[in-house]
Protein backbone atom coordinates (compact mmCIF):
# COMPACT_ATOMS: atom_id res chain seq x y z
CA MET A 1 -5.26 -7.53 21.57
CA LYS A 2 -3.40 -9.71 19.10
CA VAL A 3 -3.01 -8.98 15.38
CA LEU A 4 -1.85 -11.37 12.64
CA ILE A 5 0.07 -9.59 9.87
CA THR A 6 1.10 -10.84 6.43
CA GLY A 7 3.89 -8.89 4.74
CA ALA A 8 5.14 -7.82 8.18
CA THR A 9 8.76 -7.47 7.02
CA GLY A 10 7.98 -5.16 4.09
CA LEU A 11 8.09 -1.35 4.03
CA VAL A 12 4.56 -0.85 5.38
CA GLY A 13 4.61 -4.00 7.52
CA ASN A 14 7.74 -2.97 9.43
CA GLU A 15 6.31 0.43 10.29
CA LEU A 16 2.93 -1.04 11.27
CA VAL A 17 4.54 -3.67 13.52
CA SER A 18 6.52 -0.92 15.27
CA LEU A 19 3.38 1.19 15.84
CA LEU A 20 1.28 -1.71 17.14
CA LEU A 21 3.98 -2.94 19.51
CA LYS A 22 4.36 0.59 20.93
CA ASN A 23 0.64 0.51 21.70
CA GLY A 24 0.78 -2.79 23.55
CA ILE A 25 -0.62 -4.97 20.78
CA TYR A 26 0.74 -8.49 20.37
CA ILE A 27 1.84 -9.53 16.88
CA ASN A 28 1.75 -12.82 15.03
CA TYR A 29 3.21 -12.68 11.54
CA LEU A 30 3.44 -14.99 8.53
CA THR A 31 6.64 -15.50 6.55
CA THR A 32 7.87 -17.84 3.82
CA SER A 33 11.40 -17.81 5.25
CA LYS A 34 12.58 -19.88 8.24
CA GLU A 35 15.40 -17.36 8.69
CA LYS A 36 12.84 -14.63 9.45
CA LEU A 37 11.11 -16.56 12.23
CA GLN A 38 11.22 -14.98 15.68
CA SER A 39 9.50 -16.06 18.87
CA GLU A 40 9.10 -13.34 21.47
CA ASP A 41 6.23 -12.94 23.92
CA ASN A 42 4.74 -10.12 21.83
CA TYR A 43 6.12 -10.95 18.37
CA LYS A 44 5.89 -14.46 16.93
CA GLY A 45 6.47 -15.73 13.40
CA TYR A 46 4.77 -18.60 11.60
CA LEU A 47 5.54 -20.24 8.26
CA TRP A 48 3.29 -20.28 5.23
CA ASN A 49 3.58 -20.94 1.49
CA PRO A 50 0.55 -19.58 -0.40
CA HIS A 51 1.62 -21.15 -3.71
CA ARG A 52 1.56 -24.59 -2.09
CA GLY A 53 -1.47 -23.85 0.04
CA GLU A 54 0.54 -24.39 3.22
CA ILE A 55 0.11 -22.45 6.48
CA ASP A 56 0.82 -23.04 10.15
CA THR A 57 -2.68 -23.07 11.66
CA ASN A 58 -1.27 -21.95 15.02
CA CYS A 59 -0.84 -18.47 13.56
CA ILE A 60 -4.45 -17.54 14.41
CA ASP A 61 -4.36 -18.66 18.05
CA GLY A 62 -5.88 -15.84 20.09
CA VAL A 63 -5.87 -13.44 17.09
CA ASP A 64 -8.48 -10.65 17.03
CA VAL A 65 -7.55 -8.90 13.76
CA ILE A 66 -5.80 -9.94 10.53
CA VAL A 67 -3.96 -7.31 8.48
CA HIS A 68 -3.15 -8.63 5.00
CA LEU A 69 -0.28 -6.68 3.37
CA ALA A 70 1.48 -9.46 1.43
CA GLY A 71 1.92 -9.14 -2.34
CA ALA A 72 4.70 -9.08 -4.94
CA SER A 73 6.08 -5.61 -5.73
CA ILE A 74 4.51 -3.84 -8.72
CA SER A 75 7.65 -1.75 -9.22
CA LYS A 76 9.49 -4.36 -11.30
CA ARG A 77 9.22 -4.75 -15.09
CA TRP A 78 5.89 -6.38 -16.01
CA THR A 79 6.84 -9.45 -17.99
CA LYS A 80 4.06 -11.96 -18.68
CA SER A 81 5.29 -14.28 -15.92
CA TYR A 82 5.76 -11.46 -13.42
CA LYS A 83 2.24 -10.17 -14.11
CA GLU A 84 0.96 -13.60 -13.08
CA GLU A 85 3.06 -13.43 -9.90
CA ILE A 86 1.67 -9.98 -9.03
CA VAL A 87 -1.90 -11.27 -9.21
CA GLU A 88 -1.31 -14.70 -7.68
CA SER A 89 0.68 -13.36 -4.73
CA ARG A 90 -2.38 -11.36 -3.69
CA VAL A 91 -5.19 -13.74 -4.58
CA LEU A 92 -3.64 -17.02 -3.40
CA SER A 93 -2.56 -15.51 -0.09
CA ALA A 94 -6.08 -14.18 0.57
CA ASN A 95 -7.57 -17.54 -0.41
CA ILE A 96 -5.41 -19.47 2.02
CA ILE A 97 -6.43 -17.13 4.85
CA TYR A 98 -10.09 -17.60 3.90
CA ASN A 99 -9.74 -21.38 4.03
CA LEU A 100 -7.81 -21.17 7.30
CA LEU A 101 -10.63 -19.22 8.94
CA LYS A 102 -13.35 -21.32 7.34
CA ASN A 103 -11.92 -24.67 8.47
CA ASN A 104 -10.57 -23.83 11.93
CA SER A 105 -11.99 -22.37 15.13
CA HIS A 106 -10.77 -18.84 15.72
CA THR A 107 -11.40 -15.54 17.49
CA VAL A 108 -10.88 -13.21 14.50
CA LYS A 109 -13.30 -10.26 14.53
CA GLN A 110 -11.88 -8.10 11.74
CA PHE A 111 -9.98 -8.50 8.45
CA ILE A 112 -8.10 -5.58 6.87
CA SER A 113 -6.54 -5.81 3.40
CA ALA A 114 -4.17 -3.54 1.56
CA SER A 115 -5.23 -2.38 -1.90
CA ALA A 116 -4.31 0.44 -4.30
CA ILE A 117 -5.75 3.54 -5.94
CA GLY A 118 -4.76 1.99 -9.28
CA ILE A 119 -8.37 0.84 -9.55
CA TYR A 120 -9.40 4.38 -10.52
CA PRO A 121 -9.10 5.61 -14.13
CA ASP A 122 -6.30 7.83 -15.41
CA SER A 123 -7.75 11.34 -15.49
CA LEU A 124 -6.44 14.90 -15.21
CA ASP A 125 -9.89 16.24 -14.26
CA ASN A 126 -11.88 13.78 -12.14
CA VAL A 127 -11.70 13.38 -8.38
CA TYR A 128 -12.31 9.82 -7.20
CA SER A 129 -13.95 8.71 -3.96
CA GLU A 130 -14.55 5.21 -2.62
CA ASN A 131 -18.03 5.35 -4.19
CA SER A 132 -16.68 5.99 -7.70
CA THR A 133 -17.74 3.18 -10.04
CA GLU A 134 -15.59 4.17 -13.04
CA ARG A 135 -12.81 1.68 -13.68
CA ASP A 136 -9.55 1.84 -15.57
CA HIS A 137 -9.11 -0.78 -18.30
CA SER A 138 -5.54 -1.51 -17.32
CA PHE A 139 -3.54 -4.35 -15.83
CA LEU A 140 -3.24 -2.44 -12.56
CA CYS A 141 -7.02 -2.10 -12.31
CA THR A 142 -7.40 -5.84 -12.94
CA VAL A 143 -4.91 -6.57 -10.17
CA VAL A 144 -6.79 -4.40 -7.68
CA GLU A 145 -10.19 -5.81 -8.61
CA LYS A 146 -9.02 -9.41 -8.12
CA TRP A 147 -7.15 -8.40 -4.94
CA GLU A 148 -10.23 -6.82 -3.40
CA GLU A 149 -12.53 -9.62 -4.55
CA ALA A 150 -10.28 -12.18 -2.82
CA ALA A 151 -10.27 -10.09 0.36
CA MET A 152 -14.02 -9.49 0.39
CA GLN A 153 -14.78 -13.23 0.42
CA ILE A 154 -13.85 -13.12 4.14
CA GLU A 155 -17.22 -11.40 4.67
CA ARG A 156 -18.90 -14.74 3.91
CA LEU A 157 -17.54 -15.91 7.27
CA ASN A 158 -19.37 -13.05 9.06
CA ILE A 159 -16.10 -11.19 9.63
CA PRO A 160 -16.14 -7.44 8.85
CA VAL A 161 -13.68 -6.46 6.11
CA ALA A 162 -11.87 -3.15 5.57
CA ILE A 163 -10.02 -2.33 2.33
CA VAL A 164 -7.22 0.28 2.33
CA ARG A 165 -6.62 1.74 -1.15
CA THR A 166 -3.14 3.19 -0.92
CA GLY A 167 -1.64 6.07 -2.87
CA LEU A 168 2.01 7.00 -3.45
CA VAL A 169 3.76 6.19 -0.16
CA LEU A 170 6.43 8.66 0.90
CA SER A 171 9.31 7.04 2.77
CA ALA A 172 13.08 7.31 2.58
CA SER A 173 13.30 3.59 3.33
CA GLY A 174 11.82 2.46 0.04
CA GLY A 175 9.19 3.04 -2.62
CA MET A 176 9.03 5.80 -5.22
CA LEU A 177 10.37 8.70 -3.09
CA LYS A 178 13.69 6.93 -2.63
CA GLU A 179 13.92 6.36 -6.40
CA ILE A 180 13.04 9.90 -7.50
CA ALA A 181 15.28 11.48 -4.85
CA MET A 182 18.36 9.75 -6.25
CA PRO A 183 18.71 11.76 -9.51
CA VAL A 184 17.74 14.92 -7.63
CA LYS A 185 20.74 14.48 -5.32
CA PHE A 186 22.94 14.55 -8.42
CA GLY A 187 21.27 17.71 -9.68
CA VAL A 188 19.32 16.11 -12.53
CA GLY A 189 15.84 15.83 -11.02
CA THR A 190 12.93 16.29 -13.41
CA ALA A 191 9.28 15.35 -13.89
CA PHE A 192 7.95 12.40 -15.88
CA GLY A 193 5.84 12.92 -18.99
CA SER A 194 3.79 16.13 -19.04
CA GLY A 195 4.23 16.61 -15.29
CA LYS A 196 0.55 17.56 -15.09
CA GLN A 197 -0.59 14.16 -13.82
CA MET A 198 -2.04 14.19 -10.29
CA GLN A 199 -0.16 12.29 -7.59
CA SER A 200 -2.23 11.24 -4.58
CA TRP A 201 0.42 10.74 -1.91
CA ILE A 202 0.57 9.70 1.75
CA HIS A 203 3.36 9.68 4.31
CA LEU A 204 4.23 6.20 5.59
CA ARG A 205 3.37 7.14 9.18
CA ASP A 206 -0.08 8.30 8.15
CA LEU A 207 -0.63 5.10 6.19
CA VAL A 208 0.10 2.87 9.19
CA GLY A 209 -1.78 5.37 11.33
CA ILE A 210 -4.88 4.71 9.22
CA TYR A 211 -4.47 0.94 9.67
CA TYR A 212 -4.22 1.42 13.44
CA TYR A 213 -7.23 3.76 13.41
CA ILE A 214 -9.30 1.18 11.51
CA ILE A 215 -8.31 -1.47 14.06
CA LYS A 216 -9.07 0.72 17.10
CA ASN A 217 -12.45 1.85 15.77
CA ASN A 218 -13.55 -1.45 14.20
CA LEU A 219 -14.13 0.23 10.84
CA GLU A 220 -15.22 -1.71 7.77
CA GLY A 221 -15.64 -0.90 4.10
CA ILE A 222 -13.31 0.75 1.58
CA TYR A 223 -11.03 3.66 2.53
CA ASN A 224 -8.66 5.71 0.39
CA ALA A 225 -5.32 6.07 2.17
CA VAL A 226 -4.14 9.35 0.64
CA ALA A 227 -3.33 12.77 2.08
CA PRO A 228 -6.07 15.38 1.56
CA TYR A 229 -4.00 17.55 -0.81
CA PRO A 230 -2.76 15.74 -3.95
CA VAL A 231 -0.27 17.52 -6.21
CA THR A 232 0.92 17.39 -9.79
CA GLN A 233 4.06 15.48 -10.74
CA ASN A 234 5.78 18.80 -11.43
CA THR A 235 4.96 20.02 -7.91
CA LEU A 236 6.14 16.75 -6.38
CA MET A 237 9.51 16.96 -8.13
CA LYS A 238 9.93 20.68 -7.43
CA THR A 239 9.27 20.02 -3.75
CA VAL A 240 11.87 17.24 -3.61
CA THR A 241 14.46 19.51 -5.25
CA LYS A 242 13.57 22.34 -2.86
CA VAL A 243 13.93 20.13 0.22
CA LEU A 244 17.28 18.80 -1.01
CA ASP A 245 18.36 22.29 -2.12
CA LYS A 246 19.07 21.17 -5.67
CA PRO A 247 18.33 22.82 -9.04
CA TYR A 248 15.22 22.07 -11.08
CA PHE A 249 15.88 23.01 -14.66
CA MET A 250 16.06 19.76 -16.66
CA PRO A 251 13.41 19.13 -19.35
CA ASN A 252 10.73 16.59 -18.48
CA ILE A 253 11.43 12.97 -19.42
CA PRO A 254 9.20 12.22 -22.44
CA LYS A 255 6.65 9.42 -22.35
CA PHE A 256 8.35 7.33 -25.06
CA ALA A 257 11.62 7.25 -23.08
CA ILE A 258 9.82 6.10 -19.93
CA GLU A 259 8.01 3.38 -21.88
CA MET A 260 11.34 2.15 -23.27
CA VAL A 261 12.78 1.80 -19.78
CA MET A 262 9.75 0.63 -17.81
CA GLY A 263 7.62 -1.13 -20.41
CA GLN A 264 3.95 -1.42 -19.41
CA ALA A 265 4.85 -0.40 -15.85
CA HIS A 266 5.24 3.18 -17.12
CA VAL A 267 1.66 3.79 -15.90
CA LEU A 268 3.05 3.87 -12.35
CA VAL A 269 4.61 7.28 -13.02
CA LEU A 270 2.45 8.59 -15.86
CA ALA A 271 -1.09 7.81 -14.64
CA SER A 272 -3.04 10.68 -13.09
CA GLN A 273 -5.31 9.90 -10.13
CA ASN A 274 -6.79 12.64 -7.95
CA VAL A 275 -8.18 10.63 -5.04
CA SER A 276 -10.29 11.92 -2.16
CA ALA A 277 -9.44 11.39 1.54
CA ARG A 278 -12.82 12.72 2.68
CA LYS A 279 -14.18 9.37 3.94
CA ILE A 280 -11.37 8.58 6.40
CA LEU A 281 -11.38 12.24 7.51
CA GLY A 282 -15.10 11.91 8.15
CA GLN A 283 -14.39 8.96 10.42
CA GLY A 284 -12.20 11.23 12.54
CA TYR A 285 -8.69 10.33 11.43
CA GLN A 286 -6.29 13.27 11.84
CA PHE A 287 -3.37 13.36 9.42
CA LYS A 288 0.09 14.03 10.80
CA TYR A 289 1.36 15.15 7.38
CA LEU A 290 -0.99 17.42 5.43
CA SER A 291 1.85 19.35 3.77
CA LEU A 292 3.84 17.62 1.01
CA GLU A 293 6.94 19.66 1.87
CA LYS A 294 6.70 18.71 5.56
CA ALA A 295 6.26 15.03 4.62
CA ILE A 296 9.29 15.02 2.30
CA LYS A 297 11.43 16.95 4.80
CA ALA A 298 10.59 14.37 7.46
CA GLU A 299 12.08 11.65 5.22
CA LEU A 300 14.87 13.30 3.21
CA LYS A 301 16.23 15.63 5.90
C-alpha cells in the first residue's frame, strides 16, 4: 500500500509517517520546501504550492490513500491577514488535490482529512457526537466548516472520504501540552478562566492510531478523535502538576487577561467542548491511553 500525506513534517504528520512505515506502508509526501525533499524507496517527497495552484502530478503515482493534514497553525494570534491564511491553507490545499484527482488518472481509493472539534458550540453541559447539528458562531467553526466542505468535494469523484475531528492533542513535542507544562515546571501552573470548561483530549499516538485504523478498515464519514473521558481545565492542570510533582495553588488566570494576551484566539483555551468518542469505539478502535494521567506521564516523564 502507498499513502500520500500532506503536512507530513508537522507534529501529527511525523508520528503518522513513523507508524505507517513501521507497518510496511510506502509514503509519498507533499512539501513546499525543496530542502525537505527526500527520495527513498519507501519515503518520497514531491513539491507543491497551493497558493499558486502548483503540484507535482507524480505524487499520486501508485497511491491508494491520501491523508490531508496540511494547514496553518491556529495557535498564533488571529490578525485579519492570518485568519485568511488559516482558512486558505486548508481550502486551497484541498482544492488542488481535488483538481489533481479530477484531471489525472490515479488509483486513489480513499481520502482522509484532518478537522477539529471547534465546529461544536461552547457549552458546559452538552455532549457532542458526530451527528450533532448545533454549530458555534465563531471564527473557528467557520474554519472547520469550510475545511470539511473542501474535503467532502472529493466524494464527487466517487472516492470515499473520512473526516477526523481532532481534540486537544497531548504531546511533549508540540501543541498545547508543551505550552501549559512550561509554567508548571516553574511552579506557577494554573487553570485558564473558570477552569470548569471541558477539554476533550487525545494522546498523539491514539490520534495517529485512529488514522491508521481508518486506513486499514476503509472507514468513511466523520469521526471524533478524542479520548473517551474528557476532563475540566482544572483537572487537566492539576494532573500536569501532579505528574511533574509541582504545586498547584495559584489563582486561575482571568478571562480578560487571556483576551489581552491572545486576542480572539482566547477561545482555544476558554471554550468548553465535551465531545463523544462513541462512534470510533463502535468501529472497534481500542485506545492506548484512556487515562489522562497515563497519557501525560507518557509525554512529560
